[in-house]
PDB file of all heavy atoms in Angstrom:
ATOM      1  N   SER A   1      -9.348 -10.090  19.181  1.00  0.00           N
ATOM      2  CA  SER A   1      -9.778 -11.074  18.181  1.00  0.00           C
ATOM      3  C   SER A   1     -10.006 -10.454  16.801  1.00  0.00           C
ATOM      4  O   SER A   1     -10.300 -11.166  15.846  1.00  0.00           O
ATOM      5  CB  SER A   1     -11.056 -11.770  18.651  1.00  0.00           C
ATOM      6  OG  SER A   1     -12.135 -10.849  18.697  1.00  0.00           O
ATOM      7  N   PHE A   2      -9.866  -9.131  16.690  1.00  0.00           N
ATOM      8  CA  PHE A   2     -10.082  -8.449  15.412  1.00  0.00           C
ATOM      9  C   PHE A   2      -9.081  -8.930  14.372  1.00  0.00           C
ATOM     10  O   PHE A   2      -7.896  -9.044  14.648  1.00  0.00           O
ATOM     11  CB  PHE A   2      -9.961  -6.933  15.592  1.00  0.00           C
ATOM     12  CG  PHE A   2     -10.170  -6.161  14.331  1.00  0.00           C
ATOM     13  CD1 PHE A   2     -11.431  -6.047  13.770  1.00  0.00           C
ATOM     14  CD2 PHE A   2      -9.113  -5.545  13.693  1.00  0.00           C
ATOM     15  CE1 PHE A   2     -11.640  -5.331  12.599  1.00  0.00           C
ATOM     16  CE2 PHE A   2      -9.295  -4.823  12.531  1.00  0.00           C
ATOM     17  CZ  PHE A   2     -10.568  -4.717  11.981  1.00  0.00           C
ATOM     18  N   GLN A   3      -9.557  -9.233  13.159  1.00  0.00           N
ATOM     19  CA  GLN A   3      -8.686  -9.747  12.098  1.00  0.00           C
ATOM     20  C   GLN A   3      -8.680  -8.869  10.855  1.00  0.00           C
ATOM     21  O   GLN A   3      -8.155  -9.271   9.827  1.00  0.00           O
ATOM     22  CB  GLN A   3      -9.139 -11.150  11.720  1.00  0.00           C
ATOM     23  CG  GLN A   3      -9.190 -12.064  12.905  1.00  0.00           C
ATOM     24  CD  GLN A   3      -8.291 -13.248  12.790  1.00  0.00           C
ATOM     25  OE1 GLN A   3      -7.875 -13.621  11.713  1.00  0.00           O
ATOM     26  NE2 GLN A   3      -7.979 -13.849  13.911  1.00  0.00           N
ATOM     27  N   GLY A   4      -9.290  -7.716  10.911  1.00  0.00           N
ATOM     28  CA  GLY A   4      -9.283  -6.804   9.769  1.00  0.00           C
ATOM     29  C   GLY A   4     -10.548  -6.890   8.947  1.00  0.00           C
ATOM     30  O   GLY A   4     -11.407  -7.747   9.159  1.00  0.00           O
ATOM     31  N   ALA A   5     -10.624  -5.993   7.996  1.00  0.00           N
ATOM     32  CA  ALA A   5     -11.790  -5.919   7.116  1.00  0.00           C
ATOM     33  C   ALA A   5     -11.835  -7.121   6.175  1.00  0.00           C
ATOM     34  O   ALA A   5     -10.802  -7.716   5.861  1.00  0.00           O
ATOM     35  CB  ALA A   5     -11.736  -4.630   6.306  1.00  0.00           C
ATOM     36  N   ILE A   6     -13.031  -7.449   5.740  1.00  0.00           N
ATOM     37  CA  ILE A   6     -13.220  -8.532   4.777  1.00  0.00           C
ATOM     38  C   ILE A   6     -13.279  -7.915   3.386  1.00  0.00           C
ATOM     39  O   ILE A   6     -14.020  -6.960   3.149  1.00  0.00           O
ATOM     40  CB  ILE A   6     -14.515  -9.314   5.084  1.00  0.00           C
ATOM     41  CG1 ILE A   6     -14.402  -9.966   6.465  1.00  0.00           C
ATOM     42  CG2 ILE A   6     -14.800 -10.348   4.007  1.00  0.00           C
ATOM     43  CD1 ILE A   6     -15.696 -10.561   6.977  1.00  0.00           C
ATOM     44  N   ALA A   7     -12.500  -8.464   2.467  1.00  0.00           N
ATOM     45  CA  ALA A   7     -12.466  -7.966   1.088  1.00  0.00           C
ATOM     46  C   ALA A   7     -13.637  -8.575   0.322  1.00  0.00           C
ATOM     47  O   ALA A   7     -13.515  -9.631  -0.289  1.00  0.00           O
ATOM     48  CB  ALA A   7     -11.133  -8.319   0.434  1.00  0.00           C
ATOM     49  N   GLU A   8     -14.783  -7.904   0.358  1.00  0.00           N
ATOM     50  CA  GLU A   8     -16.010  -8.428  -0.225  1.00  0.00           C
ATOM     51  C   GLU A   8     -16.168  -8.110  -1.708  1.00  0.00           C
ATOM     52  O   GLU A   8     -16.939  -8.756  -2.402  1.00  0.00           O
ATOM     53  CB  GLU A   8     -17.217  -7.887   0.549  1.00  0.00           C
ATOM     54  CG  GLU A   8     -17.230  -8.361   1.992  1.00  0.00           C
ATOM     55  CD  GLU A   8     -18.274  -7.662   2.845  1.00  0.00           C
ATOM     56  OE1 GLU A   8     -18.731  -6.561   2.476  1.00  0.00           O
ATOM     57  OE2 GLU A   8     -18.610  -8.233   3.900  1.00  0.00           O
ATOM     58  N   LYS A   9     -15.448  -7.107  -2.194  1.00  0.00           N
ATOM     59  CA  LYS A   9     -15.558  -6.731  -3.601  1.00  0.00           C
ATOM     60  C   LYS A   9     -14.788  -7.721  -4.478  1.00  0.00           C
ATOM     61  O   LYS A   9     -13.871  -8.392  -4.019  1.00  0.00           O
ATOM     62  CB  LYS A   9     -14.991  -5.321  -3.827  1.00  0.00           C
ATOM     63  CG  LYS A   9     -15.829  -4.222  -3.236  1.00  0.00           C
ATOM     64  CD  LYS A   9     -15.223  -2.878  -3.616  1.00  0.00           C
ATOM     65  CE  LYS A   9     -16.123  -1.734  -3.240  1.00  0.00           C
ATOM     66  NZ  LYS A   9     -15.607  -0.468  -3.759  1.00  0.00           N
ATOM     67  N   LYS A  10     -15.154  -7.738  -5.748  1.00  0.00           N
ATOM     68  CA  LYS A  10     -14.452  -8.607  -6.707  1.00  0.00           C
ATOM     69  C   LYS A  10     -13.101  -8.022  -7.103  1.00  0.00           C
ATOM     70  O   LYS A  10     -12.198  -8.757  -7.470  1.00  0.00           O
ATOM     71  CB  LYS A  10     -15.301  -8.809  -7.957  1.00  0.00           C
ATOM     72  CG  LYS A  10     -16.518  -9.666  -7.730  1.00  0.00           C
ATOM     73  CD  LYS A  10     -17.278  -9.880  -9.020  1.00  0.00           C
ATOM     74  CE  LYS A  10     -18.510 -10.735  -8.752  1.00  0.00           C
ATOM     75  NZ  LYS A  10     -19.271 -10.974  -9.980  1.00  0.00           N
ATOM     76  N   ALA A  11     -12.982  -6.679  -7.051  1.00  0.00           N
ATOM     77  CA  ALA A  11     -11.746  -6.037  -7.499  1.00  0.00           C
ATOM     78  C   ALA A  11     -11.449  -4.791  -6.667  1.00  0.00           C
ATOM     79  O   ALA A  11     -12.366  -4.077  -6.244  1.00  0.00           O
ATOM     80  CB  ALA A  11     -11.866  -5.650  -8.970  1.00  0.00           C
ATOM     81  N   TYR A  12     -10.158  -4.561  -6.453  1.00  0.00           N
ATOM     82  CA  TYR A  12      -9.660  -3.383  -5.745  1.00  0.00           C
ATOM     83  C   TYR A  12      -8.538  -2.779  -6.584  1.00  0.00           C
ATOM     84  O   TYR A  12      -7.761  -3.521  -7.207  1.00  0.00           O
ATOM     85  CB  TYR A  12      -9.126  -3.757  -4.359  1.00  0.00           C
ATOM     86  CG  TYR A  12     -10.205  -4.267  -3.436  1.00  0.00           C
ATOM     87  CD1 TYR A  12     -10.583  -5.606  -3.448  1.00  0.00           C
ATOM     88  CD2 TYR A  12     -10.859  -3.401  -2.573  1.00  0.00           C
ATOM     89  CE1 TYR A  12     -11.587  -6.072  -2.618  1.00  0.00           C
ATOM     90  CE2 TYR A  12     -11.866  -3.853  -1.729  1.00  0.00           C
ATOM     91  CZ  TYR A  12     -12.228  -5.195  -1.760  1.00  0.00           C
ATOM     92  OH  TYR A  12     -13.222  -5.648  -0.938  1.00  0.00           O
ATOM     93  N   HIS A  13      -8.453  -1.443  -6.574  1.00  0.00           N
ATOM     94  CA  HIS A  13      -7.441  -0.742  -7.366  1.00  0.00           C
ATOM     95  C   HIS A  13      -6.773   0.308  -6.488  1.00  0.00           C
ATOM     96  O   HIS A  13      -7.451   1.091  -5.827  1.00  0.00           O
ATOM     97  CB  HIS A  13      -8.091  -0.047  -8.561  1.00  0.00           C
ATOM     98  CG  HIS A  13      -8.950  -0.954  -9.381  1.00  0.00           C
ATOM     99  ND1 HIS A  13      -8.433  -1.874 -10.259  1.00  0.00           N
ATOM    100  CD2 HIS A  13     -10.294  -1.101  -9.434  1.00  0.00           C
ATOM    101  CE1 HIS A  13      -9.428  -2.538 -10.823  1.00  0.00           C
ATOM    102  NE2 HIS A  13     -10.569  -2.087 -10.337  1.00  0.00           N
ATOM    103  N   THR A  14      -5.445   0.339  -6.524  1.00  0.00           N
ATOM    104  CA  THR A  14      -4.725   1.340  -5.743  1.00  0.00           C
ATOM    105  C   THR A  14      -3.516   1.835  -6.522  1.00  0.00           C
ATOM    106  O   THR A  14      -2.899   1.080  -7.276  1.00  0.00           O
ATOM    107  CB  THR A  14      -4.318   0.785  -4.363  1.00  0.00           C
ATOM    108  OG1 THR A  14      -3.862   1.852  -3.540  1.00  0.00           O
ATOM    109  CG2 THR A  14      -3.238  -0.268  -4.468  1.00  0.00           C
ATOM    110  N   ILE A  15      -3.223   3.105  -6.344  1.00  0.00           N
ATOM    111  CA  ILE A  15      -2.055   3.707  -6.982  1.00  0.00           C
ATOM    112  C   ILE A  15      -1.165   4.279  -5.879  1.00  0.00           C
ATOM    113  O   ILE A  15      -1.636   4.980  -4.987  1.00  0.00           O
ATOM    114  CB  ILE A  15      -2.455   4.785  -8.019  1.00  0.00           C
ATOM    115  CG1 ILE A  15      -1.221   5.365  -8.720  1.00  0.00           C
ATOM    116  CG2 ILE A  15      -3.331   5.855  -7.421  1.00  0.00           C
ATOM    117  CD1 ILE A  15      -1.557   6.194  -9.958  1.00  0.00           C
ATOM    118  N   TYR A  16       0.105   3.925  -5.949  1.00  0.00           N
ATOM    119  CA  TYR A  16       1.086   4.428  -4.982  1.00  0.00           C
ATOM    120  C   TYR A  16       1.793   5.624  -5.598  1.00  0.00           C
ATOM    121  O   TYR A  16       2.272   5.559  -6.723  1.00  0.00           O
ATOM    122  CB  TYR A  16       2.104   3.339  -4.623  1.00  0.00           C
ATOM    123  CG  TYR A  16       1.544   2.328  -3.662  1.00  0.00           C
ATOM    124  CD1 TYR A  16       0.680   1.332  -4.088  1.00  0.00           C
ATOM    125  CD2 TYR A  16       1.858   2.377  -2.308  1.00  0.00           C
ATOM    126  CE1 TYR A  16       0.144   0.409  -3.205  1.00  0.00           C
ATOM    127  CE2 TYR A  16       1.333   1.458  -1.416  1.00  0.00           C
ATOM    128  CZ  TYR A  16       0.478   0.486  -1.871  1.00  0.00           C
ATOM    129  OH  TYR A  16      -0.053  -0.422  -0.987  1.00  0.00           O
ATOM    130  N   GLN A  17       1.849   6.703  -4.838  1.00  0.00           N
ATOM    131  CA  GLN A  17       2.458   7.957  -5.263  1.00  0.00           C
ATOM    132  C   GLN A  17       3.862   8.040  -4.683  1.00  0.00           C
ATOM    133  O   GLN A  17       4.036   8.055  -3.467  1.00  0.00           O
ATOM    134  CB  GLN A  17       1.597   9.108  -4.747  1.00  0.00           C
ATOM    135  CG  GLN A  17       2.213  10.466  -4.894  1.00  0.00           C
ATOM    136  CD  GLN A  17       1.339  11.539  -4.260  1.00  0.00           C
ATOM    137  OE1 GLN A  17       0.155  11.359  -4.053  1.00  0.00           O
ATOM    138  NE2 GLN A  17       1.949  12.671  -3.945  1.00  0.00           N
ATOM    139  N   LEU A  18       4.862   8.099  -5.556  1.00  0.00           N
ATOM    140  CA  LEU A  18       6.245   8.236  -5.100  1.00  0.00           C
ATOM    141  C   LEU A  18       6.810   9.534  -5.675  1.00  0.00           C
ATOM    142  O   LEU A  18       7.094   9.616  -6.870  1.00  0.00           O
ATOM    143  CB  LEU A  18       7.092   7.033  -5.530  1.00  0.00           C
ATOM    144  CG  LEU A  18       8.549   7.043  -5.102  1.00  0.00           C
ATOM    145  CD1 LEU A  18       8.686   7.131  -3.575  1.00  0.00           C
ATOM    146  CD2 LEU A  18       9.271   5.809  -5.625  1.00  0.00           C
ATOM    147  N   ASP A  19       6.950  10.546  -4.824  1.00  0.00           N
ATOM    148  CA  ASP A  19       7.455  11.846  -5.270  1.00  0.00           C
ATOM    149  C   ASP A  19       8.663  12.295  -4.451  1.00  0.00           C
ATOM    150  O   ASP A  19       8.970  13.467  -4.377  1.00  0.00           O
ATOM    151  CB  ASP A  19       6.350  12.898  -5.242  1.00  0.00           C
ATOM    152  CG  ASP A  19       5.754  13.111  -3.859  1.00  0.00           C
ATOM    153  OD1 ASP A  19       6.160  12.425  -2.909  1.00  0.00           O
ATOM    154  OD2 ASP A  19       4.870  13.982  -3.732  1.00  0.00           O
ATOM    155  N   SER A  20       9.360  11.339  -3.864  1.00  0.00           N
ATOM    156  CA  SER A  20      10.522  11.641  -3.029  1.00  0.00           C
ATOM    157  C   SER A  20      11.714  10.788  -3.459  1.00  0.00           C
ATOM    158  O   SER A  20      11.549   9.625  -3.828  1.00  0.00           O
ATOM    159  CB  SER A  20      10.196  11.340  -1.565  1.00  0.00           C
ATOM    160  OG  SER A  20      11.364  11.409  -0.769  1.00  0.00           O
ATOM    161  N   ASN A  21      12.897  11.370  -3.389  1.00  0.00           N
ATOM    162  CA  ASN A  21      14.111  10.609  -3.689  1.00  0.00           C
ATOM    163  C   ASN A  21      14.778  10.072  -2.421  1.00  0.00           C
ATOM    164  O   ASN A  21      15.866   9.511  -2.480  1.00  0.00           O
ATOM    165  CB  ASN A  21      15.103  11.462  -4.484  1.00  0.00           C
ATOM    166  CG  ASN A  21      15.574  12.680  -3.706  1.00  0.00           C
ATOM    167  OD1 ASN A  21      15.129  12.946  -2.591  1.00  0.00           O
ATOM    168  ND2 ASN A  21      16.476  13.435  -4.304  1.00  0.00           N
ATOM    169  N   ASP A  22      14.128  10.223  -1.285  1.00  0.00           N
ATOM    170  CA  ASP A  22      14.650   9.710  -0.022  1.00  0.00           C
ATOM    171  C   ASP A  22      14.658   8.176  -0.079  1.00  0.00           C
ATOM    172  O   ASP A  22      13.598   7.567  -0.267  1.00  0.00           O
ATOM    173  CB  ASP A  22      13.774  10.191   1.129  1.00  0.00           C
ATOM    174  CG  ASP A  22      14.212   9.661   2.486  1.00  0.00           C
ATOM    175  OD1 ASP A  22      15.219   8.922   2.572  1.00  0.00           O
ATOM    176  OD2 ASP A  22      13.534   9.967   3.480  1.00  0.00           O
ATOM    177  N   PRO A  23      15.824   7.548   0.056  1.00  0.00           N
ATOM    178  CA  PRO A  23      15.888   6.090  -0.018  1.00  0.00           C
ATOM    179  C   PRO A  23      14.916   5.389   0.934  1.00  0.00           C
ATOM    180  O   PRO A  23      14.337   4.360   0.585  1.00  0.00           O
ATOM    181  CB  PRO A  23      17.339   5.771   0.349  1.00  0.00           C
ATOM    182  CG  PRO A  23      18.094   7.003  -0.017  1.00  0.00           C
ATOM    183  CD  PRO A  23      17.153   8.144   0.258  1.00  0.00           C
ATOM    184  N   LYS A  24      14.715   5.939   2.124  1.00  0.00           N
ATOM    185  CA  LYS A  24      13.780   5.318   3.065  1.00  0.00           C
ATOM    186  C   LYS A  24      12.353   5.338   2.517  1.00  0.00           C
ATOM    187  O   LYS A  24      11.604   4.381   2.696  1.00  0.00           O
ATOM    188  CB  LYS A  24      13.829   6.030   4.425  1.00  0.00           C
ATOM    189  CG  LYS A  24      15.107   5.767   5.182  1.00  0.00           C
ATOM    190  CD  LYS A  24      15.100   6.469   6.523  1.00  0.00           C
ATOM    191  CE  LYS A  24      16.414   6.199   7.258  1.00  0.00           C
ATOM    192  NZ  LYS A  24      16.452   6.874   8.555  1.00  0.00           N
ATOM    193  N   THR A  25      11.985   6.411   1.842  1.00  0.00           N
ATOM    194  CA  THR A  25      10.636   6.513   1.269  1.00  0.00           C
ATOM    195  C   THR A  25      10.489   5.574   0.079  1.00  0.00           C
ATOM    196  O   THR A  25       9.454   4.907  -0.067  1.00  0.00           O
ATOM    197  CB  THR A  25      10.343   7.970   0.856  1.00  0.00           C
ATOM    198  OG1 THR A  25      10.500   8.817   2.002  1.00  0.00           O
ATOM    199  CG2 THR A  25       8.937   8.109   0.308  1.00  0.00           C
ATOM    200  N   ILE A  26      11.503   5.497  -0.766  1.00  0.00           N
ATOM    201  CA  ILE A  26      11.467   4.595  -1.923  1.00  0.00           C
ATOM    202  C   ILE A  26      11.352   3.152  -1.436  1.00  0.00           C
ATOM    203  O   ILE A  26      10.510   2.377  -1.922  1.00  0.00           O
ATOM    204  CB  ILE A  26      12.717   4.783  -2.811  1.00  0.00           C
ATOM    205  CG1 ILE A  26      12.733   6.191  -3.413  1.00  0.00           C
ATOM    206  CG2 ILE A  26      12.758   3.711  -3.912  1.00  0.00           C
ATOM    207  CD1 ILE A  26      14.052   6.574  -4.067  1.00  0.00           C
ATOM    208  N   GLU A  27      12.180   2.791  -0.475  1.00  0.00           N
ATOM    209  CA  GLU A  27      12.148   1.425   0.068  1.00  0.00           C
ATOM    210  C   GLU A  27      10.822   1.129   0.751  1.00  0.00           C
ATOM    211  O   GLU A  27      10.294   0.021   0.652  1.00  0.00           O
ATOM    212  CB  GLU A  27      13.335   1.225   1.015  1.00  0.00           C
ATOM    213  CG  GLU A  27      14.659   1.206   0.268  1.00  0.00           C
ATOM    214  CD  GLU A  27      15.878   1.472   1.136  1.00  0.00           C
ATOM    215  OE1 GLU A  27      15.748   1.474   2.385  1.00  0.00           O
ATOM    216  OE2 GLU A  27      16.962   1.686   0.554  1.00  0.00           O
ATOM    217  N   LYS A  28      10.278   2.120   1.428  1.00  0.00           N
ATOM    218  CA  LYS A  28       8.975   1.954   2.075  1.00  0.00           C
ATOM    219  C   LYS A  28       7.886   1.703   1.032  1.00  0.00           C
ATOM    220  O   LYS A  28       7.025   0.840   1.219  1.00  0.00           O
ATOM    221  CB  LYS A  28       8.647   3.194   2.902  1.00  0.00           C
ATOM    222  CG  LYS A  28       7.329   3.126   3.637  1.00  0.00           C
ATOM    223  CD  LYS A  28       7.129   4.402   4.438  1.00  0.00           C
ATOM    224  CE  LYS A  28       5.826   4.426   5.171  1.00  0.00           C
ATOM    225  NZ  LYS A  28       5.597   5.703   5.868  1.00  0.00           N
ATOM    226  N   ALA A  29       7.920   2.445  -0.073  1.00  0.00           N
ATOM    227  CA  ALA A  29       6.929   2.253  -1.139  1.00  0.00           C
ATOM    228  C   ALA A  29       7.015   0.834  -1.697  1.00  0.00           C
ATOM    229  O   ALA A  29       5.995   0.148  -1.846  1.00  0.00           O
ATOM    230  CB  ALA A  29       7.138   3.277  -2.253  1.00  0.00           C
ATOM    231  N   ILE A  30       8.214   0.378  -1.989  1.00  0.00           N
ATOM    232  CA  ILE A  30       8.406  -0.975  -2.525  1.00  0.00           C
ATOM    233  C   ILE A  30       7.930  -2.019  -1.514  1.00  0.00           C
ATOM    234  O   ILE A  30       7.219  -2.966  -1.862  1.00  0.00           O
ATOM    235  CB  ILE A  30       9.884  -1.193  -2.921  1.00  0.00           C
ATOM    236  CG1 ILE A  30      10.246  -0.286  -4.114  1.00  0.00           C
ATOM    237  CG2 ILE A  30      10.153  -2.660  -3.242  1.00  0.00           C
ATOM    238  CD1 ILE A  30      11.738  -0.193  -4.396  1.00  0.00           C
ATOM    239  N   ARG A  31       8.301  -1.826  -0.270  1.00  0.00           N
ATOM    240  CA  ARG A  31       7.893  -2.757   0.793  1.00  0.00           C
ATOM    241  C   ARG A  31       6.369  -2.757   0.959  1.00  0.00           C
ATOM    242  O   ARG A  31       5.740  -3.815   1.053  1.00  0.00           O
ATOM    243  CB  ARG A  31       8.579  -2.373   2.105  1.00  0.00           C
ATOM    244  CG  ARG A  31       8.315  -3.324   3.259  1.00  0.00           C
ATOM    245  CD  ARG A  31       9.102  -2.953   4.521  1.00  0.00           C
ATOM    246  NE  ARG A  31       8.761  -1.620   5.017  1.00  0.00           N
ATOM    247  CZ  ARG A  31       9.558  -0.550   4.935  1.00  0.00           C
ATOM    248  NH1 ARG A  31      10.748  -0.639   4.399  1.00  0.00           N
ATOM    249  NH2 ARG A  31       9.168   0.623   5.407  1.00  0.00           N
ATOM    250  N   ASN A  32       5.760  -1.569   0.973  1.00  0.00           N
ATOM    251  CA  ASN A  32       4.304  -1.471   1.117  1.00  0.00           C
ATOM    252  C   ASN A  32       3.581  -2.184  -0.011  1.00  0.00           C
ATOM    253  O   ASN A  32       2.590  -2.884   0.217  1.00  0.00           O
ATOM    254  CB  ASN A  32       3.858  -0.005   1.150  1.00  0.00           C
ATOM    255  CG  ASN A  32       4.140   0.715   2.445  1.00  0.00           C
ATOM    256  OD1 ASN A  32       3.864   1.899   2.555  1.00  0.00           O
ATOM    257  ND2 ASN A  32       4.693   0.040   3.438  1.00  0.00           N
TER     258      ASN A  32
END
């Protein structure tokens, strides 16, 4: 029955690091 954490904050900030030219990694970053 677990549904994940509740986003209780007003704002969230995240930075995605892309340092690979591997197409699978690039596509994964975009998909994520």
